[in-house]
Amino acid sequence: MFTKSVIVNLPTDSEARPVAVMVQISSRYDSRVFVSTHNKKVNAKSIMGMMSIGFTNGDELSIEAEGDDAKEAVEAMAKYIESK
């Protein structure tokens, strides 16, 4: 398992788009990928799950993955979440 904490710094022009991009990124990997914040953990490959956690810029997210490409999955998610 590979885990990393990041501070959200996403574009604010559209609420749904960044979440959709995060789901697309996590879906590229075979590993199971999860995002957690505010005491809630969701499957990062689920658009409904990701929309339900309700994070905003400045929030801290924990990204974790388990599988053969776990590190790559977490790093790709972190790169997107932290780059505005």
N, C-alpha and C. Protein backbone atom coordinates (compact mmCIF):
# COMPACT_ATOMS: atom_id res chain seq x y z
N MET A 1 0.85 -1.18 0.00
CA MET A 1 0.00 0.00 0.00
C MET A 1 0.89 1.24 0.00
N PHE A 2 0.49 2.22 -0.75
CA PHE A 2 1.22 3.49 -0.84
C PHE A 2 0.24 4.60 -0.50
N THR A 3 0.64 5.54 0.36
CA THR A 3 -0.24 6.62 0.82
C THR A 3 0.50 7.95 0.75
N LYS A 4 -0.26 8.99 0.43
CA LYS A 4 0.31 10.34 0.40
C LYS A 4 -0.78 11.35 0.78
N SER A 5 -0.42 12.33 1.56
CA SER A 5 -1.34 13.42 1.90
C SER A 5 -1.02 14.62 1.03
N VAL A 6 -2.06 15.29 0.55
CA VAL A 6 -1.90 16.46 -0.32
C VAL A 6 -2.89 17.55 0.09
N ILE A 7 -2.55 18.77 -0.25
CA ILE A 7 -3.46 19.89 -0.05
C ILE A 7 -4.10 20.21 -1.40
N VAL A 8 -5.42 20.30 -1.41
CA VAL A 8 -6.16 20.53 -2.65
C VAL A 8 -5.86 21.92 -3.19
N ASN A 9 -5.50 21.97 -4.46
CA ASN A 9 -5.25 23.22 -5.17
C ASN A 9 -5.70 23.03 -6.62
N LEU A 10 -7.02 22.92 -6.79
CA LEU A 10 -7.61 22.63 -8.10
C LEU A 10 -8.22 23.88 -8.72
N PRO A 11 -8.41 23.86 -10.04
CA PRO A 11 -9.10 24.97 -10.70
C PRO A 11 -10.50 25.14 -10.11
N THR A 12 -10.91 26.38 -9.90
CA THR A 12 -12.21 26.64 -9.28
C THR A 12 -13.29 27.04 -10.27
N ASP A 13 -13.00 27.00 -11.57
CA ASP A 13 -13.97 27.46 -12.57
C ASP A 13 -15.14 26.50 -12.75
N SER A 14 -14.98 25.23 -12.40
CA SER A 14 -16.05 24.26 -12.57
C SER A 14 -15.98 23.23 -11.46
N GLU A 15 -17.06 23.05 -10.73
CA GLU A 15 -17.07 22.15 -9.59
C GLU A 15 -16.95 20.68 -10.00
N ALA A 16 -17.66 20.25 -11.01
CA ALA A 16 -17.70 18.84 -11.37
C ALA A 16 -16.47 18.38 -12.15
N ARG A 17 -15.90 19.22 -12.97
CA ARG A 17 -14.81 18.80 -13.83
C ARG A 17 -13.59 18.25 -13.09
N PRO A 18 -13.07 18.92 -12.06
CA PRO A 18 -11.91 18.36 -11.37
C PRO A 18 -12.16 16.97 -10.79
N VAL A 19 -13.34 16.74 -10.27
CA VAL A 19 -13.67 15.42 -9.73
C VAL A 19 -13.67 14.39 -10.85
N ALA A 20 -14.23 14.74 -11.99
CA ALA A 20 -14.24 13.82 -13.14
C ALA A 20 -12.83 13.50 -13.60
N VAL A 21 -11.96 14.49 -13.61
CA VAL A 21 -10.57 14.26 -14.01
C VAL A 21 -9.89 13.33 -13.01
N MET A 22 -10.15 13.52 -11.72
CA MET A 22 -9.56 12.65 -10.71
C MET A 22 -10.00 11.20 -10.89
N VAL A 23 -11.27 11.00 -11.22
CA VAL A 23 -11.78 9.64 -11.47
C VAL A 23 -11.11 9.05 -12.71
N GLN A 24 -10.95 9.85 -13.75
CA GLN A 24 -10.27 9.38 -14.96
C GLN A 24 -8.83 8.99 -14.67
N ILE A 25 -8.14 9.79 -13.90
CA ILE A 25 -6.74 9.49 -13.57
C ILE A 25 -6.65 8.19 -12.79
N SER A 26 -7.44 8.04 -11.75
CA SER A 26 -7.37 6.83 -10.93
C SER A 26 -7.78 5.59 -11.71
N SER A 27 -8.67 5.75 -12.67
CA SER A 27 -9.15 4.61 -13.47
C SER A 27 -8.11 4.09 -14.45
N ARG A 28 -7.06 4.83 -14.68
CA ARG A 28 -5.99 4.38 -15.57
C ARG A 28 -5.13 3.28 -14.95
N TYR A 29 -5.27 3.09 -13.66
CA TYR A 29 -4.40 2.17 -12.93
C TYR A 29 -5.16 0.94 -12.46
N ASP A 30 -4.46 -0.18 -12.40
CA ASP A 30 -5.07 -1.43 -11.93
C ASP A 30 -5.27 -1.44 -10.43
N SER A 31 -4.47 -0.69 -9.70
CA SER A 31 -4.54 -0.67 -8.24
C SER A 31 -5.88 -0.13 -7.76
N ARG A 32 -6.24 -0.54 -6.56
CA ARG A 32 -7.40 0.03 -5.88
C ARG A 32 -6.95 1.36 -5.31
N VAL A 33 -7.67 2.43 -5.63
CA VAL A 33 -7.28 3.78 -5.22
C VAL A 33 -8.41 4.38 -4.38
N PHE A 34 -8.03 4.98 -3.24
CA PHE A 34 -8.99 5.59 -2.35
C PHE A 34 -8.56 7.00 -2.00
N VAL A 35 -9.55 7.86 -1.75
CA VAL A 35 -9.31 9.22 -1.30
C VAL A 35 -10.10 9.39 -0.01
N SER A 36 -9.47 10.00 0.98
CA SER A 36 -10.20 10.24 2.23
C SER A 36 -9.96 11.65 2.73
N THR A 37 -10.99 12.19 3.37
CA THR A 37 -10.96 13.50 4.01
C THR A 37 -12.21 13.60 4.88
N HIS A 38 -12.16 14.45 5.87
CA HIS A 38 -13.31 14.67 6.75
C HIS A 38 -13.86 13.33 7.28
N ASN A 39 -12.98 12.41 7.64
CA ASN A 39 -13.36 11.10 8.18
C ASN A 39 -14.21 10.27 7.23
N LYS A 40 -14.06 10.48 5.94
CA LYS A 40 -14.79 9.71 4.94
C LYS A 40 -13.80 9.20 3.90
N LYS A 41 -13.90 7.92 3.57
CA LYS A 41 -13.00 7.30 2.60
C LYS A 41 -13.83 6.75 1.45
N VAL A 42 -13.44 7.09 0.21
CA VAL A 42 -14.20 6.65 -0.95
C VAL A 42 -13.28 6.06 -2.02
N ASN A 43 -13.87 5.27 -2.88
CA ASN A 43 -13.18 4.70 -4.03
C ASN A 43 -12.96 5.84 -5.03
N ALA A 44 -11.70 6.09 -5.37
CA ALA A 44 -11.38 7.20 -6.27
C ALA A 44 -11.83 6.95 -7.70
N LYS A 45 -12.24 5.74 -8.02
CA LYS A 45 -12.72 5.42 -9.36
C LYS A 45 -14.23 5.59 -9.48
N SER A 46 -14.87 5.99 -8.40
CA SER A 46 -16.32 6.18 -8.38
C SER A 46 -16.66 7.66 -8.42
N ILE A 47 -17.30 8.11 -9.48
CA ILE A 47 -17.67 9.53 -9.60
C ILE A 47 -18.62 9.95 -8.47
N MET A 48 -19.56 9.09 -8.13
CA MET A 48 -20.51 9.43 -7.06
C MET A 48 -19.80 9.49 -5.71
N GLY A 49 -18.90 8.54 -5.49
CA GLY A 49 -18.14 8.55 -4.25
C GLY A 49 -17.30 9.80 -4.12
N MET A 50 -16.60 10.14 -5.18
CA MET A 50 -15.73 11.32 -5.16
C MET A 50 -16.53 12.60 -4.96
N MET A 51 -17.69 12.69 -5.58
CA MET A 51 -18.51 13.89 -5.41
C MET A 51 -19.08 13.98 -3.99
N SER A 52 -19.24 12.84 -3.34
CA SER A 52 -19.86 12.83 -2.01
C SER A 52 -18.94 13.32 -0.89
N ILE A 53 -17.62 13.34 -1.11
CA ILE A 53 -16.75 13.73 0.00
C ILE A 53 -16.65 15.24 0.18
N GLY A 54 -17.03 15.99 -0.80
CA GLY A 54 -17.17 17.44 -0.65
C GLY A 54 -15.94 18.19 -0.17
N PHE A 55 -14.85 18.08 -0.89
CA PHE A 55 -13.64 18.81 -0.52
C PHE A 55 -13.55 20.11 -1.31
N THR A 56 -12.77 21.05 -0.77
CA THR A 56 -12.54 22.32 -1.44
C THR A 56 -11.05 22.65 -1.40
N ASN A 57 -10.65 23.66 -2.14
CA ASN A 57 -9.25 24.08 -2.13
C ASN A 57 -8.83 24.40 -0.70
N GLY A 58 -7.64 23.94 -0.35
CA GLY A 58 -7.11 24.15 0.99
C GLY A 58 -7.32 22.96 1.90
N ASP A 59 -8.24 22.06 1.54
CA ASP A 59 -8.47 20.85 2.34
C ASP A 59 -7.32 19.87 2.14
N GLU A 60 -7.08 19.05 3.14
CA GLU A 60 -6.08 18.00 3.03
C GLU A 60 -6.77 16.69 2.67
N LEU A 61 -6.25 16.04 1.64
CA LEU A 61 -6.76 14.74 1.22
C LEU A 61 -5.67 13.71 1.43
N SER A 62 -6.09 12.52 1.77
CA SER A 62 -5.16 11.39 1.83
C SER A 62 -5.49 10.49 0.66
N ILE A 63 -4.48 10.18 -0.14
CA ILE A 63 -4.65 9.29 -1.28
C ILE A 63 -3.92 8.01 -0.96
N GLU A 64 -4.59 6.89 -1.13
CA GLU A 64 -3.92 5.62 -0.90
C GLU A 64 -4.29 4.63 -1.99
N ALA A 65 -3.36 3.76 -2.27
CA ALA A 65 -3.60 2.76 -3.31
C ALA A 65 -2.89 1.48 -2.92
N GLU A 66 -3.46 0.37 -3.35
CA GLU A 66 -2.79 -0.91 -3.17
C GLU A 66 -2.88 -1.69 -4.46
N GLY A 67 -1.76 -2.25 -4.84
CA GLY A 67 -1.66 -2.99 -6.08
C GLY A 67 -0.29 -2.79 -6.70
N ASP A 68 -0.08 -3.40 -7.85
CA ASP A 68 1.22 -3.36 -8.51
C ASP A 68 1.66 -1.95 -8.93
N ASP A 69 0.70 -1.11 -9.28
CA ASP A 69 1.05 0.25 -9.73
C ASP A 69 0.57 1.32 -8.74
N ALA A 70 0.53 0.94 -7.46
CA ALA A 70 0.01 1.83 -6.41
C ALA A 70 0.76 3.16 -6.33
N LYS A 71 2.07 3.10 -6.34
CA LYS A 71 2.85 4.34 -6.22
C LYS A 71 2.58 5.26 -7.40
N GLU A 72 2.55 4.72 -8.59
CA GLU A 72 2.29 5.53 -9.78
C GLU A 72 0.90 6.16 -9.73
N ALA A 73 -0.09 5.40 -9.27
CA ALA A 73 -1.46 5.91 -9.17
C ALA A 73 -1.54 7.07 -8.19
N VAL A 74 -0.95 6.89 -7.02
CA VAL A 74 -0.98 7.94 -6.00
C VAL A 74 -0.24 9.18 -6.48
N GLU A 75 0.92 9.00 -7.08
CA GLU A 75 1.69 10.14 -7.56
C GLU A 75 0.95 10.91 -8.66
N ALA A 76 0.27 10.21 -9.56
CA ALA A 76 -0.48 10.87 -10.63
C ALA A 76 -1.65 11.67 -10.05
N MET A 77 -2.35 11.09 -9.08
CA MET A 77 -3.46 11.79 -8.44
C MET A 77 -2.93 13.03 -7.70
N ALA A 78 -1.85 12.87 -6.95
CA ALA A 78 -1.29 13.97 -6.18
C ALA A 78 -0.84 15.11 -7.09
N LYS A 79 -0.22 14.75 -8.20
CA LYS A 79 0.25 15.78 -9.15
C LYS A 79 -0.92 16.63 -9.65
N TYR A 80 -2.04 15.98 -9.98
CA TYR A 80 -3.20 16.74 -10.46
C TYR A 80 -3.82 17.57 -9.34
N ILE A 81 -4.00 16.98 -8.17
CA ILE A 81 -4.68 17.67 -7.07
C ILE A 81 -3.90 18.90 -6.61
N GLU A 82 -2.58 18.81 -6.64
CA GLU A 82 -1.76 19.91 -6.15
C GLU A 82 -1.42 20.96 -7.19
N SER A 83 -1.73 20.71 -8.47
CA SER A 83 -1.33 21.67 -9.51
C SER A 83 -2.53 22.42 -10.04
N LYS A 84 -2.56 23.70 -9.81
CA LYS A 84 -3.67 24.53 -10.25
C LYS A 84 -3.49 24.95 -11.69
